[in-house]
């Protein structure tokens, strides 16, 4: 997963194309000297899947798309920081894309997002809404199934609910849950 993300950071968002296979192999072997040929094939397949996807083409058409945008904010005395895989903001509308290299193993992307990424999704939404967007779309792209993008939109009307959910999660962490 890390190798896929590192490669996608260098794929031009305005003209998505995967690195040549020899260059991809050399880069990944440089980062992970014991990588197997099967693992290299999987990495190449996932990077190719992104580059050929409708979402990649959509991002290529948007102005001001940025990879790996760092964020930080405070909520309930907790400093929350991270990176958005891809961020775009046009006017008051923002888009966040999170690549997922997870093996689906027969699972449906929508179910995975609902079960495992709800807190992450609300953090991403709050980042953009607190940064001036009035609407934000958070999209998850599982690269094993790149055309099944799981997308949810939020508006300023959702901020109080999102903040309450984040507060509840922080309270559970503080309680040791």
C-alpha atoms as a PDB file:
ATOM      1  CA  UNK A   1       0.000   0.000   0.000  1.00  0.00           C
ATOM      2  CA  UNK A   2       2.775   2.421   0.880  1.00  0.00           C
ATOM      3  CA  UNK A   3       4.528   1.840  -2.447  1.00  0.00           C
ATOM      4  CA  UNK A   4       1.293   2.497  -4.348  1.00  0.00           C
ATOM      5  CA  UNK A   5       0.709   5.745  -2.455  1.00  0.00           C
ATOM      6  CA  UNK A   6       4.296   6.886  -2.958  1.00  0.00           C
ATOM      7  CA  UNK A   7       4.030   6.266  -6.697  1.00  0.00           C
ATOM      8  CA  UNK A   8       0.660   8.006  -6.952  1.00  0.00           C
ATOM      9  CA  UNK A   9       2.227  11.067  -5.324  1.00  0.00           C
ATOM     10  CA  UNK A  10       4.471  11.423  -8.381  1.00  0.00           C
ATOM     11  CA  UNK A  11       1.875  10.609 -11.057  1.00  0.00           C
ATOM     12  CA  UNK A  12       0.944  13.945 -12.640  1.00  0.00           C
ATOM     13  CA  UNK A  13      -2.654  14.658 -11.611  1.00  0.00           C
ATOM     14  CA  UNK A  14      -3.267  16.761 -14.719  1.00  0.00           C
ATOM     15  CA  UNK A  15      -2.095  13.974 -17.058  1.00  0.00           C
ATOM     16  CA  UNK A  16      -2.263  10.660 -15.197  1.00  0.00           C
ATOM     17  CA  UNK A  17       0.069   8.028 -16.572  1.00  0.00           C
ATOM     18  CA  UNK A  18       1.893   5.320 -14.716  1.00  0.00           C
ATOM     19  CA  UNK A  19       5.679   5.315 -14.639  1.00  0.00           C
ATOM     20  CA  UNK A  20       7.333   2.978 -17.136  1.00  0.00           C
ATOM     21  CA  UNK A  21       7.486  -0.508 -15.642  1.00  0.00           C
ATOM     22  CA  UNK A  22      11.293  -0.491 -15.362  1.00  0.00           C
ATOM     23  CA  UNK A  23      11.164   2.861 -13.525  1.00  0.00           C
ATOM     24  CA  UNK A  24       8.355   1.633 -11.274  1.00  0.00           C
ATOM     25  CA  UNK A  25      10.256  -1.541 -10.411  1.00  0.00           C
ATOM     26  CA  UNK A  26      13.453   0.405  -9.700  1.00  0.00           C
ATOM     27  CA  UNK A  27      11.669   2.904  -7.455  1.00  0.00           C
ATOM     28  CA  UNK A  28       9.842   0.245  -5.452  1.00  0.00           C
ATOM     29  CA  UNK A  29      12.965  -1.929  -5.114  1.00  0.00           C
ATOM     30  CA  UNK A  30      14.832   1.171  -3.906  1.00  0.00           C
ATOM     31  CA  UNK A  31      12.245   1.692  -1.160  1.00  0.00           C
ATOM     32  CA  UNK A  32      11.721  -2.007  -0.390  1.00  0.00           C
ATOM     33  CA  UNK A  33      14.743  -4.109  -1.439  1.00  0.00           C
ATOM     34  CA  UNK A  34      13.068  -7.430  -0.576  1.00  0.00           C
ATOM     35  CA  UNK A  35       9.874  -6.795  -2.581  1.00  0.00           C
ATOM     36  CA  UNK A  36       8.777  -9.857  -4.552  1.00  0.00           C
ATOM     37  CA  UNK A  37       7.929  -9.941  -8.241  1.00  0.00           C
ATOM     38  CA  UNK A  38       4.300 -10.710  -7.349  1.00  0.00           C
ATOM     39  CA  UNK A  39       4.196  -7.655  -5.092  1.00  0.00           C
ATOM     40  CA  UNK A  40       5.675  -5.517  -7.872  1.00  0.00           C
ATOM     41  CA  UNK A  41       2.990  -6.794 -10.231  1.00  0.00           C
ATOM     42  CA  UNK A  42       0.271  -5.858  -7.711  1.00  0.00           C
ATOM     43  CA  UNK A  43       1.735  -2.372  -7.226  1.00  0.00           C
ATOM     44  CA  UNK A  44       1.922  -1.820 -10.996  1.00  0.00           C
ATOM     45  CA  UNK A  45      -1.637  -3.096 -11.470  1.00  0.00           C
ATOM     46  CA  UNK A  46      -3.031  -0.732  -8.821  1.00  0.00           C
ATOM     47  CA  UNK A  47      -1.164   2.309 -10.164  1.00  0.00           C
ATOM     48  CA  UNK A  48      -2.323   1.473 -13.708  1.00  0.00           C
ATOM     49  CA  UNK A  49      -5.891   1.098 -12.416  1.00  0.00           C
ATOM     50  CA  UNK A  50      -5.857   4.615 -11.002  1.00  0.00           C
ATOM     51  CA  UNK A  51      -4.333   6.132 -14.144  1.00  0.00           C
ATOM     52  CA  UNK A  52      -6.962   4.518 -16.389  1.00  0.00           C
ATOM     53  CA  UNK A  53      -9.918   5.364 -14.145  1.00  0.00           C
ATOM     54  CA  UNK A  54     -12.686   7.894 -14.737  1.00  0.00           C
ATOM     55  CA  UNK A  55     -11.777   9.489 -11.391  1.00  0.00           C
ATOM     56  CA  UNK A  56      -8.229  10.159 -12.622  1.00  0.00           C
ATOM     57  CA  UNK A  57      -9.682  11.795 -15.716  1.00  0.00           C
ATOM     58  CA  UNK A  58     -12.029  13.871 -13.552  1.00  0.00           C
ATOM     59  CA  UNK A  59      -9.130  15.062 -11.401  1.00  0.00           C
ATOM     60  CA  UNK A  60      -7.114  15.883 -14.518  1.00  0.00           C
ATOM     61  CA  UNK A  61      -9.867  18.282 -15.589  1.00  0.00           C
ATOM     62  CA  UNK A  62      -9.988  20.203 -12.301  1.00  0.00           C
ATOM     63  CA  UNK A  63      -7.893  23.288 -11.588  1.00  0.00           C
ATOM     64  CA  UNK A  64      -5.655  23.456  -8.549  1.00  0.00           C
ATOM     65  CA  UNK A  65      -5.603  19.766  -7.681  1.00  0.00           C
ATOM     66  CA  UNK A  66      -2.959  19.047  -5.031  1.00  0.00           C
ATOM     67  CA  UNK A  67      -1.515  15.719  -3.873  1.00  0.00           C
ATOM     68  CA  UNK A  68      -0.648  14.985  -0.249  1.00  0.00           C
ATOM     69  CA  UNK A  69      -2.070  18.158   1.255  1.00  0.00           C
ATOM     70  CA  UNK A  70      -1.222  18.285   4.966  1.00  0.00           C
ATOM     71  CA  UNK A  71      -3.788  19.448   7.497  1.00  0.00           C
ATOM     72  CA  UNK A  72      -3.974  20.139  11.196  1.00  0.00           C
ATOM     73  CA  UNK A  73      -6.749  21.346  13.459  1.00  0.00           C
ATOM     74  CA  UNK A  74      -7.737  21.196  17.108  1.00  0.00           C
ATOM     75  CA  UNK A  75     -10.969  19.714  18.409  1.00  0.00           C
ATOM     76  CA  UNK A  76     -11.870  19.185  22.053  1.00  0.00           C
ATOM     77  CA  UNK A  77      -8.264  19.757  23.079  1.00  0.00           C
ATOM     78  CA  UNK A  78      -6.930  17.164  20.636  1.00  0.00           C
ATOM     79  CA  UNK A  79      -4.614  18.072  17.784  1.00  0.00           C
ATOM     80  CA  UNK A  80      -5.726  16.225  14.663  1.00  0.00           C
ATOM     81  CA  UNK A  81      -3.342  16.094  11.749  1.00  0.00           C
ATOM     82  CA  UNK A  82      -2.850  14.116   8.610  1.00  0.00           C
ATOM     83  CA  UNK A  83      -2.704  14.333   4.836  1.00  0.00           C
ATOM     84  CA  UNK A  84      -5.304  14.312   2.118  1.00  0.00           C
ATOM     85  CA  UNK A  85      -4.222  12.027  -0.747  1.00  0.00           C
ATOM     86  CA  UNK A  86      -5.730  14.487  -3.231  1.00  0.00           C
ATOM     87  CA  UNK A  87      -7.455  17.825  -2.633  1.00  0.00           C
ATOM     88  CA  UNK A  88      -9.147  20.207  -5.008  1.00  0.00           C
ATOM     89  CA  UNK A  89     -11.101  23.325  -4.252  1.00  0.00           C
ATOM     90  CA  UNK A  90     -12.868  25.357  -6.853  1.00  0.00           C
ATOM     91  CA  UNK A  91     -14.679  28.311  -5.357  1.00  0.00           C
ATOM     92  CA  UNK A  92     -16.503  27.085  -2.281  1.00  0.00           C
ATOM     93  CA  UNK A  93     -16.677  23.435  -3.405  1.00  0.00           C
ATOM     94  CA  UNK A  94     -13.960  21.004  -2.342  1.00  0.00           C
ATOM     95  CA  UNK A  95     -13.122  17.446  -3.339  1.00  0.00           C
ATOM     96  CA  UNK A  96     -11.013  15.024  -1.321  1.00  0.00           C
ATOM     97  CA  UNK A  97      -9.915  11.713  -2.824  1.00  0.00           C
ATOM     98  CA  UNK A  98      -8.483   8.913  -0.720  1.00  0.00           C
ATOM     99  CA  UNK A  99      -6.844   6.029  -2.554  1.00  0.00           C
ATOM    100  CA  UNK A 100      -7.268   2.596  -1.007  1.00  0.00           C
ATOM    101  CA  UNK A 101      -4.944  -0.253  -1.890  1.00  0.00           C
ATOM    102  CA  UNK A 102      -6.791  -2.696   0.393  1.00  0.00           C
ATOM    103  CA  UNK A 103      -7.442  -6.171  -0.931  1.00  0.00           C
ATOM    104  CA  UNK A 104     -11.220  -6.302  -1.270  1.00  0.00           C
ATOM    105  CA  UNK A 105     -11.404 -10.077  -0.821  1.00  0.00           C
ATOM    106  CA  UNK A 106     -14.989 -10.169  -2.107  1.00  0.00           C
ATOM    107  CA  UNK A 107     -16.132  -7.227   0.016  1.00  0.00           C
ATOM    108  CA  UNK A 108     -18.052  -4.281  -1.407  1.00  0.00           C
ATOM    109  CA  UNK A 109     -16.285  -0.877  -1.290  1.00  0.00           C
ATOM    110  CA  UNK A 110     -19.355   0.916   0.092  1.00  0.00           C
ATOM    111  CA  UNK A 111     -19.584  -1.496   3.016  1.00  0.00           C
ATOM    112  CA  UNK A 112     -15.875  -1.136   3.777  1.00  0.00           C
ATOM    113  CA  UNK A 113     -16.086   2.658   3.844  1.00  0.00           C
ATOM    114  CA  UNK A 114     -19.126   2.598   6.125  1.00  0.00           C
ATOM    115  CA  UNK A 115     -17.561   0.045   8.484  1.00  0.00           C
ATOM    116  CA  UNK A 116     -13.966   1.267   8.589  1.00  0.00           C
ATOM    117  CA  UNK A 117     -13.591   4.844   7.369  1.00  0.00           C
ATOM    118  CA  UNK A 118     -16.465   6.839   8.862  1.00  0.00           C
ATOM    119  CA  UNK A 119     -14.289   8.753  11.314  1.00  0.00           C
ATOM    120  CA  UNK A 120     -11.669   9.473   8.672  1.00  0.00           C
ATOM    121  CA  UNK A 121     -14.370  10.684   6.276  1.00  0.00           C
ATOM    122  CA  UNK A 122     -15.836  13.108   8.808  1.00  0.00           C
ATOM    123  CA  UNK A 123     -12.361  14.463   9.632  1.00  0.00           C
ATOM    124  CA  UNK A 124     -11.711  15.074   5.935  1.00  0.00           C
ATOM    125  CA  UNK A 125     -15.054  16.837   5.591  1.00  0.00           C
ATOM    126  CA  UNK A 126     -14.383  19.037   8.623  1.00  0.00           C
ATOM    127  CA  UNK A 127     -10.922  19.950   7.299  1.00  0.00           C
ATOM    128  CA  UNK A 128     -12.434  21.375   4.130  1.00  0.00           C
ATOM    129  CA  UNK A 129     -15.510  22.946   5.722  1.00  0.00           C
ATOM    130  CA  UNK A 130     -13.328  24.676   8.324  1.00  0.00           C
ATOM    131  CA  UNK A 131     -11.051  25.867   5.512  1.00  0.00           C
ATOM    132  CA  UNK A 132     -13.752  27.829   3.691  1.00  0.00           C
ATOM    133  CA  UNK A 133     -15.583  25.266   1.593  1.00  0.00           C
ATOM    134  CA  UNK A 134     -19.363  25.327   1.831  1.00  0.00           C
ATOM    135  CA  UNK A 135     -19.625  21.877   0.270  1.00  0.00           C
ATOM    136  CA  UNK A 136     -17.163  19.001   0.211  1.00  0.00           C
ATOM    137  CA  UNK A 137     -17.217  15.646  -1.532  1.00  0.00           C
ATOM    138  CA  UNK A 138     -15.118  12.923   0.067  1.00  0.00           C
ATOM    139  CA  UNK A 139     -14.420  10.111  -2.388  1.00  0.00           C
ATOM    140  CA  UNK A 140     -12.792   6.754  -1.695  1.00  0.00           C
ATOM    141  CA  UNK A 141     -11.296   4.844  -4.599  1.00  0.00           C
ATOM    142  CA  UNK A 142     -10.403   1.215  -3.988  1.00  0.00           C
ATOM    143  CA  UNK A 143      -7.817   0.559  -6.664  1.00  0.00           C
ATOM    144  CA  UNK A 144      -8.788  -3.106  -7.028  1.00  0.00           C
ATOM    145  CA  UNK A 145     -12.138  -1.808  -8.251  1.00  0.00           C
ATOM    146  CA  UNK A 146     -11.349   1.726  -9.456  1.00  0.00           C
ATOM    147  CA  UNK A 147     -14.711   2.428 -11.063  1.00  0.00           C
ATOM    148  CA  UNK A 148     -16.650   1.846  -7.829  1.00  0.00           C
ATOM    149  CA  UNK A 149     -15.868   5.173  -6.168  1.00  0.00           C
ATOM    150  CA  UNK A 150     -17.606   5.628  -2.820  1.00  0.00           C
ATOM    151  CA  UNK A 151     -18.509   9.287  -2.542  1.00  0.00           C
ATOM    152  CA  UNK A 152     -20.305  11.302   0.131  1.00  0.00           C
ATOM    153  CA  UNK A 153     -21.013  15.028   0.135  1.00  0.00           C
ATOM    154  CA  UNK A 154     -21.240  17.329   3.130  1.00  0.00           C
ATOM    155  CA  UNK A 155     -22.271  20.955   3.552  1.00  0.00           C
ATOM    156  CA  UNK A 156     -22.015  23.589   6.264  1.00  0.00           C
ATOM    157  CA  UNK A 157     -25.333  22.257   7.574  1.00  0.00           C
ATOM    158  CA  UNK A 158     -23.475  19.054   8.561  1.00  0.00           C
ATOM    159  CA  UNK A 159     -20.734  20.714  10.643  1.00  0.00           C
ATOM    160  CA  UNK A 160     -22.491  20.508  14.032  1.00  0.00           C
ATOM    161  CA  UNK A 161     -23.301  16.813  13.513  1.00  0.00           C
ATOM    162  CA  UNK A 162     -19.768  16.020  12.309  1.00  0.00           C
ATOM    163  CA  UNK A 163     -18.231  17.851  15.256  1.00  0.00           C
ATOM    164  CA  UNK A 164     -20.531  15.998  17.671  1.00  0.00           C
ATOM    165  CA  UNK A 165     -19.489  12.655  16.140  1.00  0.00           C
ATOM    166  CA  UNK A 166     -15.827  13.622  16.419  1.00  0.00           C
ATOM    167  CA  UNK A 167     -16.344  14.689  20.044  1.00  0.00           C
ATOM    168  CA  UNK A 168     -17.986  11.346  20.794  1.00  0.00           C
ATOM    169  CA  UNK A 169     -15.040   9.480  19.234  1.00  0.00           C
ATOM    170  CA  UNK A 170     -12.562  11.517  21.265  1.00  0.00           C
ATOM    171  CA  UNK A 171     -14.556  10.804  24.420  1.00  0.00           C
ATOM    172  CA  UNK A 172     -14.438   7.042  23.671  1.00  0.00           C
ATOM    173  CA  UNK A 173     -10.669   7.234  23.193  1.00  0.00           C
ATOM    174  CA  UNK A 174     -10.232   9.144  26.441  1.00  0.00           C
ATOM    175  CA  UNK A 175     -12.367   6.517  28.203  1.00  0.00           C
ATOM    176  CA  UNK A 176     -10.096   3.774  26.872  1.00  0.00           C
ATOM    177  CA  UNK A 177     -12.680   2.370  24.462  1.00  0.00           C
END
